[in-house]
């Protein structure tokens, strides 16, 4: 389920102080609930996902096309294009306050496009940067009632100029109608499989 930006921004997430110049593009409620201690289990599920190899054929096709275009036009290559050298791959890690530095060290994401930035008890932020956009995937663990938490995923973006803005506008329908719904299904399926594999207490 897609959520309103205001619902996400009502929480004091650390990402807001690190990327105030990024636009909050999308917020989605994940089909995942658990206790406070289950956030790490959600990170295992999220870390195991790779949209380029998703179960959804449509999603795999879209990512295949995107990577092919990236190869042709140098969108993911720092040595090509007309962007100022080193401009597009400046990491947000340089903005991290002392208490967040190295908190995501050793955290592995199957999708190599995203690089972990920081990790807290209720937040994970990972970034991707290329010639079209600099973006952050923010995964949060939101308390719904006493002791009950729900997963939430937000995407922050900073398009690279007019081309980046046009690119984001062009892919929006595909993200909203194909990629994100398929991703939600995979997360829900993986979470349900985890729940069903838990030992039953007699």
C-alpha atoms as a PDB file:
ATOM      1  CA  UNK A   1       0.000   0.000   0.000  1.00  0.00           C
ATOM      2  CA  UNK A   2       1.306   3.410  -0.922  1.00  0.00           C
ATOM      3  CA  UNK A   3       1.430   5.913   1.941  1.00  0.00           C
ATOM      4  CA  UNK A   4       1.332   9.690   1.986  1.00  0.00           C
ATOM      5  CA  UNK A   5       4.593  11.585   2.316  1.00  0.00           C
ATOM      6  CA  UNK A   6       3.228  13.385   5.378  1.00  0.00           C
ATOM      7  CA  UNK A   7       2.708  10.082   7.195  1.00  0.00           C
ATOM      8  CA  UNK A   8       6.368   9.217   6.682  1.00  0.00           C
ATOM      9  CA  UNK A   9       7.633  12.706   7.507  1.00  0.00           C
ATOM     10  CA  UNK A  10       5.718  12.732  10.792  1.00  0.00           C
ATOM     11  CA  UNK A  11       8.529  10.609  12.256  1.00  0.00           C
ATOM     12  CA  UNK A  12      11.947  12.045  13.201  1.00  0.00           C
ATOM     13  CA  UNK A  13      13.926   9.892  10.775  1.00  0.00           C
ATOM     14  CA  UNK A  14      17.657  10.540  10.686  1.00  0.00           C
ATOM     15  CA  UNK A  15      17.652  10.618   6.892  1.00  0.00           C
ATOM     16  CA  UNK A  16      15.882  13.986   6.979  1.00  0.00           C
ATOM     17  CA  UNK A  17      18.931  15.613   8.563  1.00  0.00           C
ATOM     18  CA  UNK A  18      21.359  13.887   6.195  1.00  0.00           C
ATOM     19  CA  UNK A  19      19.567  14.465   2.882  1.00  0.00           C
ATOM     20  CA  UNK A  20      17.437  17.629   3.304  1.00  0.00           C
ATOM     21  CA  UNK A  21      18.041  18.538  -0.353  1.00  0.00           C
ATOM     22  CA  UNK A  22      16.556  15.246  -1.588  1.00  0.00           C
ATOM     23  CA  UNK A  23      12.886  14.939  -2.560  1.00  0.00           C
ATOM     24  CA  UNK A  24      10.723  12.291  -0.905  1.00  0.00           C
ATOM     25  CA  UNK A  25       9.449  10.469  -3.993  1.00  0.00           C
ATOM     26  CA  UNK A  26       7.509   7.447  -2.701  1.00  0.00           C
ATOM     27  CA  UNK A  27       6.506   5.803   0.562  1.00  0.00           C
ATOM     28  CA  UNK A  28       5.167   2.246   0.776  1.00  0.00           C
ATOM     29  CA  UNK A  29       3.867   0.187   3.670  1.00  0.00           C
ATOM     30  CA  UNK A  30       5.525  -3.224   3.574  1.00  0.00           C
ATOM     31  CA  UNK A  31       3.445  -6.380   4.142  1.00  0.00           C
ATOM     32  CA  UNK A  32       5.502  -7.094   7.241  1.00  0.00           C
ATOM     33  CA  UNK A  33       4.698  -6.850  10.949  1.00  0.00           C
ATOM     34  CA  UNK A  34       6.576  -7.964  14.034  1.00  0.00           C
ATOM     35  CA  UNK A  35       8.110  -6.990  17.326  1.00  0.00           C
ATOM     36  CA  UNK A  36      10.837  -4.405  17.920  1.00  0.00           C
ATOM     37  CA  UNK A  37      13.451  -7.156  17.695  1.00  0.00           C
ATOM     38  CA  UNK A  38      12.249  -8.264  14.241  1.00  0.00           C
ATOM     39  CA  UNK A  39      13.723  -5.292  12.362  1.00  0.00           C
ATOM     40  CA  UNK A  40      16.936  -7.225  11.744  1.00  0.00           C
ATOM     41  CA  UNK A  41      14.880 -10.022  10.196  1.00  0.00           C
ATOM     42  CA  UNK A  42      13.300  -7.496   7.845  1.00  0.00           C
ATOM     43  CA  UNK A  43      16.773  -6.341   6.832  1.00  0.00           C
ATOM     44  CA  UNK A  44      17.674  -9.926   5.954  1.00  0.00           C
ATOM     45  CA  UNK A  45      14.609 -10.111   3.717  1.00  0.00           C
ATOM     46  CA  UNK A  46      15.267  -6.742   2.067  1.00  0.00           C
ATOM     47  CA  UNK A  47      18.962  -7.514   1.685  1.00  0.00           C
ATOM     48  CA  UNK A  48      18.184 -10.747  -0.172  1.00  0.00           C
ATOM     49  CA  UNK A  49      16.138  -8.998  -2.868  1.00  0.00           C
ATOM     50  CA  UNK A  50      17.473  -8.164  -6.301  1.00  0.00           C
ATOM     51  CA  UNK A  51      14.894  -6.562  -8.641  1.00  0.00           C
ATOM     52  CA  UNK A  52      17.071  -7.404 -11.646  1.00  0.00           C
ATOM     53  CA  UNK A  53      16.439 -11.089 -10.839  1.00  0.00           C
ATOM     54  CA  UNK A  54      12.922 -10.733  -9.479  1.00  0.00           C
ATOM     55  CA  UNK A  55      10.254 -13.403  -9.767  1.00  0.00           C
ATOM     56  CA  UNK A  56       8.223 -10.947 -11.837  1.00  0.00           C
ATOM     57  CA  UNK A  57       9.111 -11.307 -15.515  1.00  0.00           C
ATOM     58  CA  UNK A  58       7.970  -7.751 -16.216  1.00  0.00           C
ATOM     59  CA  UNK A  59      10.277  -6.398 -13.513  1.00  0.00           C
ATOM     60  CA  UNK A  60      13.234  -8.404 -14.827  1.00  0.00           C
ATOM     61  CA  UNK A  61      12.548  -7.112 -18.327  1.00  0.00           C
ATOM     62  CA  UNK A  62      12.403  -3.483 -17.184  1.00  0.00           C
ATOM     63  CA  UNK A  63      15.705  -3.768 -15.328  1.00  0.00           C
ATOM     64  CA  UNK A  64      17.300  -5.529 -18.265  1.00  0.00           C
ATOM     65  CA  UNK A  65      16.271  -2.657 -20.527  1.00  0.00           C
ATOM     66  CA  UNK A  66      17.517  -0.096 -18.003  1.00  0.00           C
ATOM     67  CA  UNK A  67      20.929  -1.754 -17.711  1.00  0.00           C
ATOM     68  CA  UNK A  68      21.233  -2.057 -21.485  1.00  0.00           C
ATOM     69  CA  UNK A  69      20.445   1.643 -21.919  1.00  0.00           C
ATOM     70  CA  UNK A  70      22.902   2.444 -19.148  1.00  0.00           C
ATOM     71  CA  UNK A  71      25.624   0.601 -21.041  1.00  0.00           C
ATOM     72  CA  UNK A  72      24.798   2.322 -24.323  1.00  0.00           C
ATOM     73  CA  UNK A  73      24.646   5.858 -22.951  1.00  0.00           C
ATOM     74  CA  UNK A  74      27.125   5.605 -20.086  1.00  0.00           C
ATOM     75  CA  UNK A  75      24.572   6.420 -17.390  1.00  0.00           C
ATOM     76  CA  UNK A  76      26.398   4.234 -14.870  1.00  0.00           C
ATOM     77  CA  UNK A  77      29.946   4.925 -16.065  1.00  0.00           C
ATOM     78  CA  UNK A  78      31.864   7.772 -14.366  1.00  0.00           C
ATOM     79  CA  UNK A  79      34.219   8.056 -17.336  1.00  0.00           C
ATOM     80  CA  UNK A  80      31.539   8.966 -19.892  1.00  0.00           C
ATOM     81  CA  UNK A  81      28.851  11.602 -20.469  1.00  0.00           C
ATOM     82  CA  UNK A  82      28.927  15.330 -19.814  1.00  0.00           C
ATOM     83  CA  UNK A  83      28.537  15.419 -16.020  1.00  0.00           C
ATOM     84  CA  UNK A  84      31.296  17.159 -14.092  1.00  0.00           C
ATOM     85  CA  UNK A  85      33.843  14.504 -12.955  1.00  0.00           C
ATOM     86  CA  UNK A  86      33.165  13.126  -9.457  1.00  0.00           C
ATOM     87  CA  UNK A  87      29.907  15.082  -9.227  1.00  0.00           C
ATOM     88  CA  UNK A  88      27.504  12.204  -9.692  1.00  0.00           C
ATOM     89  CA  UNK A  89      29.084   9.688  -7.363  1.00  0.00           C
ATOM     90  CA  UNK A  90      29.677  11.840  -4.293  1.00  0.00           C
ATOM     91  CA  UNK A  91      28.423   9.700  -1.431  1.00  0.00           C
ATOM     92  CA  UNK A  92      26.132  10.881   1.335  1.00  0.00           C
ATOM     93  CA  UNK A  93      28.456   9.038   3.690  1.00  0.00           C
ATOM     94  CA  UNK A  94      30.450  12.263   3.940  1.00  0.00           C
ATOM     95  CA  UNK A  95      27.417  13.879   5.597  1.00  0.00           C
ATOM     96  CA  UNK A  96      26.913  11.235   8.259  1.00  0.00           C
ATOM     97  CA  UNK A  97      27.242  12.426  11.856  1.00  0.00           C
ATOM     98  CA  UNK A  98      29.743  10.601  14.035  1.00  0.00           C
ATOM     99  CA  UNK A  99      27.166   8.338  15.691  1.00  0.00           C
ATOM    100  CA  UNK A 100      26.009   6.909  12.333  1.00  0.00           C
ATOM    101  CA  UNK A 101      29.377   6.312  10.699  1.00  0.00           C
ATOM    102  CA  UNK A 102      30.269   2.675  10.073  1.00  0.00           C
ATOM    103  CA  UNK A 103      26.949   1.479  11.530  1.00  0.00           C
ATOM    104  CA  UNK A 104      26.178  -0.368   8.286  1.00  0.00           C
ATOM    105  CA  UNK A 105      29.668  -1.838   7.900  1.00  0.00           C
ATOM    106  CA  UNK A 106      29.446  -5.459   6.839  1.00  0.00           C
ATOM    107  CA  UNK A 107      25.800  -5.217   5.831  1.00  0.00           C
ATOM    108  CA  UNK A 108      25.358  -6.966   2.487  1.00  0.00           C
ATOM    109  CA  UNK A 109      22.662  -6.174  -0.065  1.00  0.00           C
ATOM    110  CA  UNK A 110      22.137  -8.590  -2.926  1.00  0.00           C
ATOM    111  CA  UNK A 111      21.328  -5.684  -5.235  1.00  0.00           C
ATOM    112  CA  UNK A 112      24.785  -4.241  -5.935  1.00  0.00           C
ATOM    113  CA  UNK A 113      23.235  -0.954  -7.138  1.00  0.00           C
ATOM    114  CA  UNK A 114      22.622   0.172  -3.549  1.00  0.00           C
ATOM    115  CA  UNK A 115      25.381   0.906  -1.044  1.00  0.00           C
ATOM    116  CA  UNK A 116      24.424   0.870   2.680  1.00  0.00           C
ATOM    117  CA  UNK A 117      24.821   4.236   4.404  1.00  0.00           C
ATOM    118  CA  UNK A 118      23.772   3.748   8.011  1.00  0.00           C
ATOM    119  CA  UNK A 119      21.796   1.485  10.283  1.00  0.00           C
ATOM    120  CA  UNK A 120      19.919   2.128  13.546  1.00  0.00           C
ATOM    121  CA  UNK A 121      17.413   0.102  15.570  1.00  0.00           C
ATOM    122  CA  UNK A 122      14.590   1.335  13.317  1.00  0.00           C
ATOM    123  CA  UNK A 123      16.221   2.642  10.114  1.00  0.00           C
ATOM    124  CA  UNK A 124      18.341   1.483   7.217  1.00  0.00           C
ATOM    125  CA  UNK A 125      19.460   3.877   4.492  1.00  0.00           C
ATOM    126  CA  UNK A 126      21.230   2.810   1.301  1.00  0.00           C
ATOM    127  CA  UNK A 127      22.148   4.996  -1.670  1.00  0.00           C
ATOM    128  CA  UNK A 128      22.487   4.672  -5.422  1.00  0.00           C
ATOM    129  CA  UNK A 129      24.141   7.291  -7.582  1.00  0.00           C
ATOM    130  CA  UNK A 130      24.487   7.495 -11.356  1.00  0.00           C
ATOM    131  CA  UNK A 131      24.132   9.999 -14.179  1.00  0.00           C
ATOM    132  CA  UNK A 132      20.342  10.081 -13.966  1.00  0.00           C
ATOM    133  CA  UNK A 133      19.723  10.380 -10.233  1.00  0.00           C
ATOM    134  CA  UNK A 134      21.177  10.214  -6.742  1.00  0.00           C
ATOM    135  CA  UNK A 135      18.680   8.318  -4.595  1.00  0.00           C
ATOM    136  CA  UNK A 136      18.258   6.792  -1.155  1.00  0.00           C
ATOM    137  CA  UNK A 137      16.247   3.716  -0.214  1.00  0.00           C
ATOM    138  CA  UNK A 138      15.047   4.148   3.371  1.00  0.00           C
ATOM    139  CA  UNK A 139      13.673   1.125   5.221  1.00  0.00           C
ATOM    140  CA  UNK A 140      11.996   1.855   8.552  1.00  0.00           C
ATOM    141  CA  UNK A 141      10.394  -0.076  11.394  1.00  0.00           C
ATOM    142  CA  UNK A 142       7.348   1.902  12.522  1.00  0.00           C
ATOM    143  CA  UNK A 143       5.504   1.236  15.769  1.00  0.00           C
ATOM    144  CA  UNK A 144       1.781   0.808  15.108  1.00  0.00           C
ATOM    145  CA  UNK A 145       0.697  -0.019  18.648  1.00  0.00           C
ATOM    146  CA  UNK A 146       2.468  -1.090  21.802  1.00  0.00           C
ATOM    147  CA  UNK A 147       5.033  -3.714  20.775  1.00  0.00           C
ATOM    148  CA  UNK A 148       3.738  -4.063  17.196  1.00  0.00           C
ATOM    149  CA  UNK A 149       5.818  -2.710  14.329  1.00  0.00           C
ATOM    150  CA  UNK A 150       5.302  -2.498  10.561  1.00  0.00           C
ATOM    151  CA  UNK A 151       7.881  -2.213   7.817  1.00  0.00           C
ATOM    152  CA  UNK A 152       7.946   0.885   5.636  1.00  0.00           C
ATOM    153  CA  UNK A 153      10.026   1.781   2.592  1.00  0.00           C
ATOM    154  CA  UNK A 154      10.650   5.286   1.274  1.00  0.00           C
ATOM    155  CA  UNK A 155      12.617   6.557  -1.700  1.00  0.00           C
ATOM    156  CA  UNK A 156      14.379   9.927  -1.688  1.00  0.00           C
ATOM    157  CA  UNK A 157      15.695  11.325  -4.960  1.00  0.00           C
ATOM    158  CA  UNK A 158      17.853  14.094  -6.310  1.00  0.00           C
ATOM    159  CA  UNK A 159      17.585  14.048 -10.126  1.00  0.00           C
ATOM    160  CA  UNK A 160      20.643  14.990 -12.184  1.00  0.00           C
ATOM    161  CA  UNK A 161      19.489  18.108 -14.014  1.00  0.00           C
ATOM    162  CA  UNK A 162      16.676  18.271 -16.530  1.00  0.00           C
ATOM    163  CA  UNK A 163      17.501  14.884 -17.993  1.00  0.00           C
ATOM    164  CA  UNK A 164      17.277  13.296 -14.556  1.00  0.00           C
ATOM    165  CA  UNK A 165      13.912  14.946 -13.942  1.00  0.00           C
ATOM    166  CA  UNK A 166      12.603  13.700 -17.297  1.00  0.00           C
ATOM    167  CA  UNK A 167      13.965  10.237 -16.567  1.00  0.00           C
ATOM    168  CA  UNK A 168      12.219  10.056 -13.187  1.00  0.00           C
ATOM    169  CA  UNK A 169       8.949  11.222 -14.731  1.00  0.00           C
ATOM    170  CA  UNK A 170       9.225   8.653 -17.527  1.00  0.00           C
ATOM    171  CA  UNK A 171       9.804   5.671 -15.244  1.00  0.00           C
ATOM    172  CA  UNK A 172       7.238   6.661 -12.591  1.00  0.00           C
ATOM    173  CA  UNK A 173       4.336   4.661 -14.107  1.00  0.00           C
ATOM    174  CA  UNK A 174       6.509   1.542 -14.367  1.00  0.00           C
ATOM    175  CA  UNK A 175       7.728   1.905 -10.780  1.00  0.00           C
ATOM    176  CA  UNK A 176       4.237   2.394  -9.372  1.00  0.00           C
ATOM    177  CA  UNK A 177       2.380  -0.197 -11.442  1.00  0.00           C
ATOM    178  CA  UNK A 178       4.978  -2.928 -11.934  1.00  0.00           C
ATOM    179  CA  UNK A 179       8.196  -2.692  -9.931  1.00  0.00           C
ATOM    180  CA  UNK A 180       6.933  -1.701  -6.469  1.00  0.00           C
ATOM    181  CA  UNK A 181       3.862  -4.000  -6.423  1.00  0.00           C
ATOM    182  CA  UNK A 182       6.072  -6.931  -7.470  1.00  0.00           C
ATOM    183  CA  UNK A 183       8.627  -5.978  -4.818  1.00  0.00           C
ATOM    184  CA  UNK A 184       5.914  -5.837  -2.139  1.00  0.00           C
ATOM    185  CA  UNK A 185       4.729  -9.312  -3.130  1.00  0.00           C
ATOM    186  CA  UNK A 186       8.245 -10.729  -2.890  1.00  0.00           C
ATOM    187  CA  UNK A 187       8.843  -9.133   0.508  1.00  0.00           C
ATOM    188  CA  UNK A 188       5.510 -10.449   1.800  1.00  0.00           C
ATOM    189  CA  UNK A 189       6.202 -13.932   0.466  1.00  0.00           C
ATOM    190  CA  UNK A 190       9.687 -14.015   2.020  1.00  0.00           C
ATOM    191  CA  UNK A 191       8.329 -12.751   5.349  1.00  0.00           C
ATOM    192  CA  UNK A 192       5.524 -15.306   5.389  1.00  0.00           C
ATOM    193  CA  UNK A 193       8.031 -18.067   4.639  1.00  0.00           C
ATOM    194  CA  UNK A 194      10.149 -16.865   7.551  1.00  0.00           C
ATOM    195  CA  UNK A 195       7.127 -16.850   9.866  1.00  0.00           C
ATOM    196  CA  UNK A 196       6.047 -20.336   8.823  1.00  0.00           C
ATOM    197  CA  UNK A 197       9.537 -21.722   9.446  1.00  0.00           C
ATOM    198  CA  UNK A 198       9.616 -20.551  13.072  1.00  0.00           C
ATOM    199  CA  UNK A 199       9.497 -23.447  15.549  1.00  0.00           C
ATOM    200  CA  UNK A 200       6.146 -23.892  17.274  1.00  0.00           C
ATOM    201  CA  UNK A 201       6.245 -23.727  21.039  1.00  0.00           C
ATOM    202  CA  UNK A 202       4.242 -26.650  22.475  1.00  0.00           C
END
